[in-house]
């Protein structure tokens, strides 16, 4: 509940909007919510 998943998703979107090829991987294999 730190806002980690939302933060990492928005970071990936922002990096992609900057023209980079980005792969967002949900590494929380227990309760990931990407």
ModelCIF file with pLDDT and N, C-alpha, C, O atoms, coordinates in Angstrom:
data_MODEL
#
_entry.id   MODEL 
#
_entity.id                         1 
_entity.type                       polymer 
_entity.pdbx_number_of_molecules   1 
#
_entity_poly.entity_id                      1 
_entity_poly.type                           'polypeptide(L)' 
_entity_poly.nstd_linkage                   no 
_entity_poly.nstd_monomer                   no 
_entity_poly.pdbx_seq_one_letter_code       
;(UNK)(UNK)(UNK)(UNK)(UNK)(UNK)(UNK)(UNK)(UNK)(UNK)(UNK)(UNK)(UNK)(UNK)(UNK)(UNK)
(UNK)(UNK)(UNK)(UNK)(UNK)(UNK)(UNK)(UNK)(UNK)(UNK)(UNK)(UNK)(UNK)(UNK)(UNK)(UNK)
(UNK)(UNK)
;
_entity_poly.pdbx_seq_one_letter_code_can   XXXXXXXXXXXXXXXXXXXXXXXXXXXXXXXXXX 
_entity_poly.pdbx_strand_id                 A 
#
loop_
_entity_poly_seq.entity_id 
_entity_poly_seq.num 
_entity_poly_seq.mon_id 
_entity_poly_seq.hetero 
1 1  UNK n 
1 2  UNK n 
1 3  UNK n 
1 4  UNK n 
1 5  UNK n 
1 6  UNK n 
1 7  UNK n 
1 8  UNK n 
1 9  UNK n 
1 10 UNK n 
1 11 UNK n 
1 12 UNK n 
1 13 UNK n 
1 14 UNK n 
1 15 UNK n 
1 16 UNK n 
1 17 UNK n 
1 18 UNK n 
1 19 UNK n 
1 20 UNK n 
1 21 UNK n 
1 22 UNK n 
1 23 UNK n 
1 24 UNK n 
1 25 UNK n 
1 26 UNK n 
1 27 UNK n 
1 28 UNK n 
1 29 UNK n 
1 30 UNK n 
1 31 UNK n 
1 32 UNK n 
1 33 UNK n 
1 34 UNK n 
#
_struct_asym.id          A 
_struct_asym.entity_id   1 
#
loop_
_ma_qa_metric.id 
_ma_qa_metric.mode 
_ma_qa_metric.name 
_ma_qa_metric.software_group_id 
_ma_qa_metric.type 
1 global pLDDT . pLDDT 
2 local  pLDDT . pLDDT 
#
_ma_qa_metric_global.metric_id      1 
_ma_qa_metric_global.metric_value   91.21 
_ma_qa_metric_global.model_id       1 
_ma_qa_metric_global.ordinal_id     1 
#
loop_
_ma_qa_metric_local.label_asym_id 
_ma_qa_metric_local.label_comp_id 
_ma_qa_metric_local.label_seq_id 
_ma_qa_metric_local.metric_id 
_ma_qa_metric_local.metric_value 
_ma_qa_metric_local.model_id 
_ma_qa_metric_local.ordinal_id 
A UNK 1  2 88.00 1 1  
A UNK 2  2 88.00 1 2  
A UNK 3  2 88.00 1 3  
A UNK 4  2 90.00 1 4  
A UNK 5  2 92.00 1 5  
A UNK 6  2 92.00 1 6  
A UNK 7  2 93.00 1 7  
A UNK 8  2 93.00 1 8  
A UNK 9  2 93.00 1 9  
A UNK 10 2 93.00 1 10 
A UNK 11 2 93.00 1 11 
A UNK 12 2 94.00 1 12 
A UNK 13 2 93.00 1 13 
A UNK 14 2 93.00 1 14 
A UNK 15 2 92.00 1 15 
A UNK 16 2 93.00 1 16 
A UNK 17 2 91.00 1 17 
A UNK 18 2 90.00 1 18 
A UNK 19 2 91.00 1 19 
A UNK 20 2 92.00 1 20 
A UNK 21 2 94.00 1 21 
A UNK 22 2 95.00 1 22 
A UNK 23 2 94.00 1 23 
A UNK 24 2 94.00 1 24 
A UNK 25 2 94.00 1 25 
A UNK 26 2 92.00 1 26 
A UNK 27 2 90.00 1 27 
A UNK 28 2 90.00 1 28 
A UNK 29 2 88.00 1 29 
A UNK 30 2 86.00 1 30 
A UNK 31 2 87.00 1 31 
A UNK 32 2 86.00 1 32 
A UNK 33 2 88.00 1 33 
A UNK 34 2 91.00 1 34 
#
loop_
_atom_site.group_PDB 
_atom_site.id 
_atom_site.type_symbol 
_atom_site.label_atom_id 
_atom_site.label_alt_id 
_atom_site.label_comp_id 
_atom_site.label_asym_id 
_atom_site.label_entity_id 
_atom_site.label_seq_id 
_atom_site.pdbx_PDB_ins_code 
_atom_site.Cartn_x 
_atom_site.Cartn_y 
_atom_site.Cartn_z 
_atom_site.occupancy 
_atom_site.B_iso_or_equiv 
_atom_site.pdbx_formal_charge 
_atom_site.auth_seq_id 
_atom_site.auth_comp_id 
_atom_site.auth_asym_id 
_atom_site.auth_atom_id 
_atom_site.pdbx_PDB_model_num 
ATOM 1   N N  . UNK A 1 1  ? 0.815  -1.223  0.000   1.00 88.00 ? 1  UNK A N  1 
ATOM 2   C CA . UNK A 1 1  ? 0.000  0.000   0.000   1.00 88.00 ? 1  UNK A CA 1 
ATOM 3   C C  . UNK A 1 1  ? 0.843  1.265   0.000   1.00 88.00 ? 1  UNK A C  1 
ATOM 4   O O  . UNK A 1 1  ? 0.434  2.274   0.574   1.00 88.00 ? 1  UNK A O  1 
ATOM 5   N N  . UNK A 1 2  ? 1.998  1.235   -0.623  1.00 88.00 ? 2  UNK A N  1 
ATOM 6   C CA . UNK A 1 2  ? 2.838  2.427   -0.757  1.00 88.00 ? 2  UNK A CA 1 
ATOM 7   C C  . UNK A 1 2  ? 2.586  3.158   -2.071  1.00 88.00 ? 2  UNK A C  1 
ATOM 8   O O  . UNK A 1 2  ? 3.149  4.230   -2.294  1.00 88.00 ? 2  UNK A O  1 
ATOM 9   N N  . UNK A 1 3  ? 1.737  2.588   -2.961  1.00 88.00 ? 3  UNK A N  1 
ATOM 10  C CA . UNK A 1 3  ? 1.526  3.173   -4.281  1.00 88.00 ? 3  UNK A CA 1 
ATOM 11  C C  . UNK A 1 3  ? 2.596  2.759   -5.271  1.00 88.00 ? 3  UNK A C  1 
ATOM 12  O O  . UNK A 1 3  ? 2.827  3.440   -6.270  1.00 88.00 ? 3  UNK A O  1 
ATOM 13  N N  . UNK A 1 4  ? 3.243  1.651   -4.992  1.00 90.00 ? 4  UNK A N  1 
ATOM 14  C CA . UNK A 1 4  ? 4.371  1.195   -5.818  1.00 90.00 ? 4  UNK A CA 1 
ATOM 15  C C  . UNK A 1 4  ? 3.925  0.805   -7.228  1.00 90.00 ? 4  UNK A C  1 
ATOM 16  O O  . UNK A 1 4  ? 4.563  1.201   -8.204  1.00 90.00 ? 4  UNK A O  1 
ATOM 17  N N  . UNK A 1 5  ? 2.828  0.028   -7.350  1.00 92.00 ? 5  UNK A N  1 
ATOM 18  C CA . UNK A 1 5  ? 2.391  -0.465  -8.664  1.00 92.00 ? 5  UNK A CA 1 
ATOM 19  C C  . UNK A 1 5  ? 1.943  0.685   -9.552  1.00 92.00 ? 5  UNK A C  1 
ATOM 20  O O  . UNK A 1 5  ? 2.272  0.715   -10.737 1.00 92.00 ? 5  UNK A O  1 
ATOM 21  N N  . UNK A 1 6  ? 1.192  1.637   -8.989  1.00 92.00 ? 6  UNK A N  1 
ATOM 22  C CA . UNK A 1 6  ? 0.771  2.796   -9.780  1.00 92.00 ? 6  UNK A CA 1 
ATOM 23  C C  . UNK A 1 6  ? 1.973  3.625   -10.211 1.00 92.00 ? 6  UNK A C  1 
ATOM 24  O O  . UNK A 1 6  ? 2.032  4.115   -11.339 1.00 92.00 ? 6  UNK A O  1 
ATOM 25  N N  . UNK A 1 7  ? 2.916  3.774   -9.312  1.00 93.00 ? 7  UNK A N  1 
ATOM 26  C CA . UNK A 1 7  ? 4.108  4.564   -9.631  1.00 93.00 ? 7  UNK A CA 1 
ATOM 27  C C  . UNK A 1 7  ? 4.917  3.919   -10.748 1.00 93.00 ? 7  UNK A C  1 
ATOM 28  O O  . UNK A 1 7  ? 5.331  4.600   -11.686 1.00 93.00 ? 7  UNK A O  1 
ATOM 29  N N  . UNK A 1 8  ? 5.144  2.620   -10.657 1.00 93.00 ? 8  UNK A N  1 
ATOM 30  C CA . UNK A 1 8  ? 5.952  1.950   -11.678 1.00 93.00 ? 8  UNK A CA 1 
ATOM 31  C C  . UNK A 1 8  ? 5.236  1.949   -13.018 1.00 93.00 ? 8  UNK A C  1 
ATOM 32  O O  . UNK A 1 8  ? 5.888  2.051   -14.057 1.00 93.00 ? 8  UNK A O  1 
ATOM 33  N N  . UNK A 1 9  ? 3.899  1.833   -13.023 1.00 93.00 ? 9  UNK A N  1 
ATOM 34  C CA . UNK A 1 9  ? 3.149  1.854   -14.282 1.00 93.00 ? 9  UNK A CA 1 
ATOM 35  C C  . UNK A 1 9  ? 3.228  3.226   -14.939 1.00 93.00 ? 9  UNK A C  1 
ATOM 36  O O  . UNK A 1 9  ? 3.463  3.327   -16.143 1.00 93.00 ? 9  UNK A O  1 
ATOM 37  N N  . UNK A 1 10 ? 3.028  4.301   -14.140 1.00 93.00 ? 10 UNK A N  1 
ATOM 38  C CA . UNK A 1 10 ? 3.116  5.645   -14.708 1.00 93.00 ? 10 UNK A CA 1 
ATOM 39  C C  . UNK A 1 10 ? 4.530  5.968   -15.169 1.00 93.00 ? 10 UNK A C  1 
ATOM 40  O O  . UNK A 1 10 ? 4.711  6.679   -16.158 1.00 93.00 ? 10 UNK A O  1 
ATOM 41  N N  . UNK A 1 11 ? 5.537  5.453   -14.462 1.00 93.00 ? 11 UNK A N  1 
ATOM 42  C CA . UNK A 1 11 ? 6.915  5.663   -14.898 1.00 93.00 ? 11 UNK A CA 1 
ATOM 43  C C  . UNK A 1 11 ? 7.154  4.999   -16.247 1.00 93.00 ? 11 UNK A C  1 
ATOM 44  O O  . UNK A 1 11 ? 7.794  5.585   -17.120 1.00 93.00 ? 11 UNK A O  1 
ATOM 45  N N  . UNK A 1 12 ? 6.644  3.773   -16.428 1.00 94.00 ? 12 UNK A N  1 
ATOM 46  C CA . UNK A 1 12 ? 6.822  3.086   -17.708 1.00 94.00 ? 12 UNK A CA 1 
ATOM 47  C C  . UNK A 1 12 ? 6.123  3.836   -18.827 1.00 94.00 ? 12 UNK A C  1 
ATOM 48  O O  . UNK A 1 12 ? 6.672  3.968   -19.921 1.00 94.00 ? 12 UNK A O  1 
ATOM 49  N N  . UNK A 1 13 ? 4.910  4.332   -18.565 1.00 93.00 ? 13 UNK A N  1 
ATOM 50  C CA . UNK A 1 13 ? 4.194  5.108   -19.588 1.00 93.00 ? 13 UNK A CA 1 
ATOM 51  C C  . UNK A 1 13 ? 4.977  6.355   -19.950 1.00 93.00 ? 13 UNK A C  1 
ATOM 52  O O  . UNK A 1 13 ? 5.114  6.684   -21.128 1.00 93.00 ? 13 UNK A O  1 
ATOM 53  N N  . UNK A 1 14 ? 5.495  7.053   -18.943 1.00 93.00 ? 14 UNK A N  1 
ATOM 54  C CA . UNK A 1 14 ? 6.233  8.292   -19.204 1.00 93.00 ? 14 UNK A CA 1 
ATOM 55  C C  . UNK A 1 14 ? 7.500  8.019   -20.001 1.00 93.00 ? 14 UNK A C  1 
ATOM 56  O O  . UNK A 1 14 ? 7.833  8.789   -20.902 1.00 93.00 ? 14 UNK A O  1 
ATOM 57  N N  . UNK A 1 15 ? 8.209  6.949   -19.693 1.00 92.00 ? 15 UNK A N  1 
ATOM 58  C CA . UNK A 1 15 ? 9.414  6.599   -20.447 1.00 92.00 ? 15 UNK A CA 1 
ATOM 59  C C  . UNK A 1 15 ? 9.064  6.289   -21.903 1.00 92.00 ? 15 UNK A C  1 
ATOM 60  O O  . UNK A 1 15 ? 9.794  6.669   -22.819 1.00 92.00 ? 15 UNK A O  1 
ATOM 61  N N  . UNK A 1 16 ? 7.920  5.583   -22.109 1.00 93.00 ? 16 UNK A N  1 
ATOM 62  C CA . UNK A 1 16 ? 7.504  5.269   -23.478 1.00 93.00 ? 16 UNK A CA 1 
ATOM 63  C C  . UNK A 1 16 ? 7.095  6.521   -24.228 1.00 93.00 ? 16 UNK A C  1 
ATOM 64  O O  . UNK A 1 16 ? 7.390  6.655   -25.416 1.00 93.00 ? 16 UNK A O  1 
ATOM 65  N N  . UNK A 1 17 ? 6.405  7.459   -23.540 1.00 91.00 ? 17 UNK A N  1 
ATOM 66  C CA . UNK A 1 17 ? 6.022  8.708   -24.196 1.00 91.00 ? 17 UNK A CA 1 
ATOM 67  C C  . UNK A 1 17 ? 7.236  9.538   -24.575 1.00 91.00 ? 17 UNK A C  1 
ATOM 68  O O  . UNK A 1 17 ? 7.142  10.415  -25.433 1.00 91.00 ? 17 UNK A O  1 
ATOM 69  N N  . UNK A 1 18 ? 8.351  9.277   -23.958 1.00 90.00 ? 18 UNK A N  1 
ATOM 70  C CA . UNK A 1 18 ? 9.582  9.973   -24.306 1.00 90.00 ? 18 UNK A CA 1 
ATOM 71  C C  . UNK A 1 18 ? 10.278 9.387   -25.517 1.00 90.00 ? 18 UNK A C  1 
ATOM 72  O O  . UNK A 1 18 ? 11.342 9.868   -25.907 1.00 90.00 ? 18 UNK A O  1 
ATOM 73  N N  . UNK A 1 19 ? 9.698  8.352   -26.124 1.00 91.00 ? 19 UNK A N  1 
ATOM 74  C CA . UNK A 1 19 ? 10.262 7.780   -27.337 1.00 91.00 ? 19 UNK A CA 1 
ATOM 75  C C  . UNK A 1 19 ? 11.070 6.527   -27.118 1.00 91.00 ? 19 UNK A C  1 
ATOM 76  O O  . UNK A 1 19 ? 11.690 6.043   -28.065 1.00 91.00 ? 19 UNK A O  1 
ATOM 77  N N  . UNK A 1 20 ? 11.097 5.981   -25.937 1.00 92.00 ? 20 UNK A N  1 
ATOM 78  C CA . UNK A 1 20 ? 11.868 4.769   -25.645 1.00 92.00 ? 20 UNK A CA 1 
ATOM 79  C C  . UNK A 1 20 ? 10.981 3.544   -25.780 1.00 92.00 ? 20 UNK A C  1 
ATOM 80  O O  . UNK A 1 20 ? 9.765  3.611   -25.596 1.00 92.00 ? 20 UNK A O  1 
ATOM 81  N N  . UNK A 1 21 ? 11.618 2.415   -26.107 1.00 94.00 ? 21 UNK A N  1 
ATOM 82  C CA . UNK A 1 21 ? 10.924 1.138   -26.131 1.00 94.00 ? 21 UNK A CA 1 
ATOM 83  C C  . UNK A 1 21 ? 11.031 0.566   -24.717 1.00 94.00 ? 21 UNK A C  1 
ATOM 84  O O  . UNK A 1 21 ? 12.123 0.305   -24.212 1.00 94.00 ? 21 UNK A O  1 
ATOM 85  N N  . UNK A 1 22 ? 9.853  0.378   -24.088 1.00 95.00 ? 22 UNK A N  1 
ATOM 86  C CA . UNK A 1 22 ? 9.819  0.033   -22.670 1.00 95.00 ? 22 UNK A CA 1 
ATOM 87  C C  . UNK A 1 22 ? 9.009  -1.237  -22.488 1.00 95.00 ? 22 UNK A C  1 
ATOM 88  O O  . UNK A 1 22 ? 7.953  -1.418  -23.095 1.00 95.00 ? 22 UNK A O  1 
ATOM 89  N N  . UNK A 1 23 ? 9.532  -2.117  -21.633 1.00 94.00 ? 23 UNK A N  1 
ATOM 90  C CA . UNK A 1 23 ? 8.810  -3.315  -21.229 1.00 94.00 ? 23 UNK A CA 1 
ATOM 91  C C  . UNK A 1 23 ? 8.540  -3.218  -19.732 1.00 94.00 ? 23 UNK A C  1 
ATOM 92  O O  . UNK A 1 23 ? 9.463  -3.115  -18.924 1.00 94.00 ? 23 UNK A O  1 
ATOM 93  N N  . UNK A 1 24 ? 7.244  -3.252  -19.374 1.00 94.00 ? 24 UNK A N  1 
ATOM 94  C CA . UNK A 1 24 ? 6.842  -3.218  -17.976 1.00 94.00 ? 24 UNK A CA 1 
ATOM 95  C C  . UNK A 1 24 ? 6.544  -4.643  -17.537 1.00 94.00 ? 24 UNK A C  1 
ATOM 96  O O  . UNK A 1 24 ? 5.649  -5.284  -18.089 1.00 94.00 ? 24 UNK A O  1 
ATOM 97  N N  . UNK A 1 25 ? 7.279  -5.148  -16.553 1.00 94.00 ? 25 UNK A N  1 
ATOM 98  C CA . UNK A 1 25 ? 7.152  -6.520  -16.088 1.00 94.00 ? 25 UNK A CA 1 
ATOM 99  C C  . UNK A 1 25 ? 6.602  -6.504  -14.664 1.00 94.00 ? 25 UNK A C  1 
ATOM 100 O O  . UNK A 1 25 ? 7.134  -5.817  -13.792 1.00 94.00 ? 25 UNK A O  1 
ATOM 101 N N  . UNK A 1 26 ? 5.530  -7.271  -14.437 1.00 92.00 ? 26 UNK A N  1 
ATOM 102 C CA . UNK A 1 26 ? 4.960  -7.396  -13.089 1.00 92.00 ? 26 UNK A CA 1 
ATOM 103 C C  . UNK A 1 26 ? 5.751  -8.470  -12.345 1.00 92.00 ? 26 UNK A C  1 
ATOM 104 O O  . UNK A 1 26 ? 5.480  -9.660  -12.502 1.00 92.00 ? 26 UNK A O  1 
ATOM 105 N N  . UNK A 1 27 ? 6.739  -8.050  -11.526 1.00 90.00 ? 27 UNK A N  1 
ATOM 106 C CA . UNK A 1 27 ? 7.592  -8.982  -10.801 1.00 90.00 ? 27 UNK A CA 1 
ATOM 107 C C  . UNK A 1 27 ? 7.047  -9.390  -9.450  1.00 90.00 ? 27 UNK A C  1 
ATOM 108 O O  . UNK A 1 27 ? 7.679  -10.180 -8.749  1.00 90.00 ? 27 UNK A O  1 
ATOM 109 N N  . UNK A 1 28 ? 5.879  -8.869  -9.058  1.00 90.00 ? 28 UNK A N  1 
ATOM 110 C CA . UNK A 1 28 ? 5.249  -9.294  -7.809  1.00 90.00 ? 28 UNK A CA 1 
ATOM 111 C C  . UNK A 1 28 ? 4.434  -10.541 -8.110  1.00 90.00 ? 28 UNK A C  1 
ATOM 112 O O  . UNK A 1 28 ? 3.247  -10.454 -8.425  1.00 90.00 ? 28 UNK A O  1 
ATOM 113 N N  . UNK A 1 29 ? 5.080  -11.713 -8.010  1.00 88.00 ? 29 UNK A N  1 
ATOM 114 C CA . UNK A 1 29 ? 4.453  -12.968 -8.429  1.00 88.00 ? 29 UNK A CA 1 
ATOM 115 C C  . UNK A 1 29 ? 3.412  -13.465 -7.442  1.00 88.00 ? 29 UNK A C  1 
ATOM 116 O O  . UNK A 1 29 ? 2.766  -14.484 -7.688  1.00 88.00 ? 29 UNK A O  1 
ATOM 117 N N  . UNK A 1 30 ? 3.237  -12.760 -6.327  1.00 86.00 ? 30 UNK A N  1 
ATOM 118 C CA . UNK A 1 30 ? 2.261  -13.196 -5.336  1.00 86.00 ? 30 UNK A CA 1 
ATOM 119 C C  . UNK A 1 30 ? 0.954  -12.405 -5.469  1.00 86.00 ? 30 UNK A C  1 
ATOM 120 O O  . UNK A 1 30 ? -0.128 -12.987 -5.538  1.00 86.00 ? 30 UNK A O  1 
ATOM 121 N N  . UNK A 1 31 ? 1.071  -11.046 -5.505  1.00 87.00 ? 31 UNK A N  1 
ATOM 122 C CA . UNK A 1 31 ? -0.150 -10.231 -5.533  1.00 87.00 ? 31 UNK A CA 1 
ATOM 123 C C  . UNK A 1 31 ? -0.024 -9.076  -6.521  1.00 87.00 ? 31 UNK A C  1 
ATOM 124 O O  . UNK A 1 31 ? -0.576 -7.999  -6.294  1.00 87.00 ? 31 UNK A O  1 
ATOM 125 N N  . UNK A 1 32 ? 0.694  -9.295  -7.606  1.00 86.00 ? 32 UNK A N  1 
ATOM 126 C CA . UNK A 1 32 ? 0.885  -8.232  -8.581  1.00 86.00 ? 32 UNK A CA 1 
ATOM 127 C C  . UNK A 1 32 ? -0.425 -7.772  -9.194  1.00 86.00 ? 32 UNK A C  1 
ATOM 128 O O  . UNK A 1 32 ? -1.339 -8.571  -9.398  1.00 86.00 ? 32 UNK A O  1 
ATOM 129 N N  . UNK A 1 33 ? -0.512 -6.471  -9.489  1.00 88.00 ? 33 UNK A N  1 
ATOM 130 C CA . UNK A 1 33 ? -1.759 -5.926  -10.029 1.00 88.00 ? 33 UNK A CA 1 
ATOM 131 C C  . UNK A 1 33 ? -1.559 -5.043  -11.225 1.00 88.00 ? 33 UNK A C  1 
ATOM 132 O O  . UNK A 1 33 ? -2.422 -4.213  -11.511 1.00 88.00 ? 33 UNK A O  1 
ATOM 133 N N  . UNK A 1 34 ? -0.443 -5.180  -11.957 1.00 91.00 ? 34 UNK A N  1 
ATOM 134 C CA . UNK A 1 34 ? -0.212 -4.348  -13.135 1.00 91.00 ? 34 UNK A CA 1 
ATOM 135 C C  . UNK A 1 34 ? -1.282 -4.616  -14.184 1.00 91.00 ? 34 UNK A C  1 
ATOM 136 O O  . UNK A 1 34 ? -1.261 -4.010  -15.256 1.00 91.00 ? 34 UNK A O  1 
#
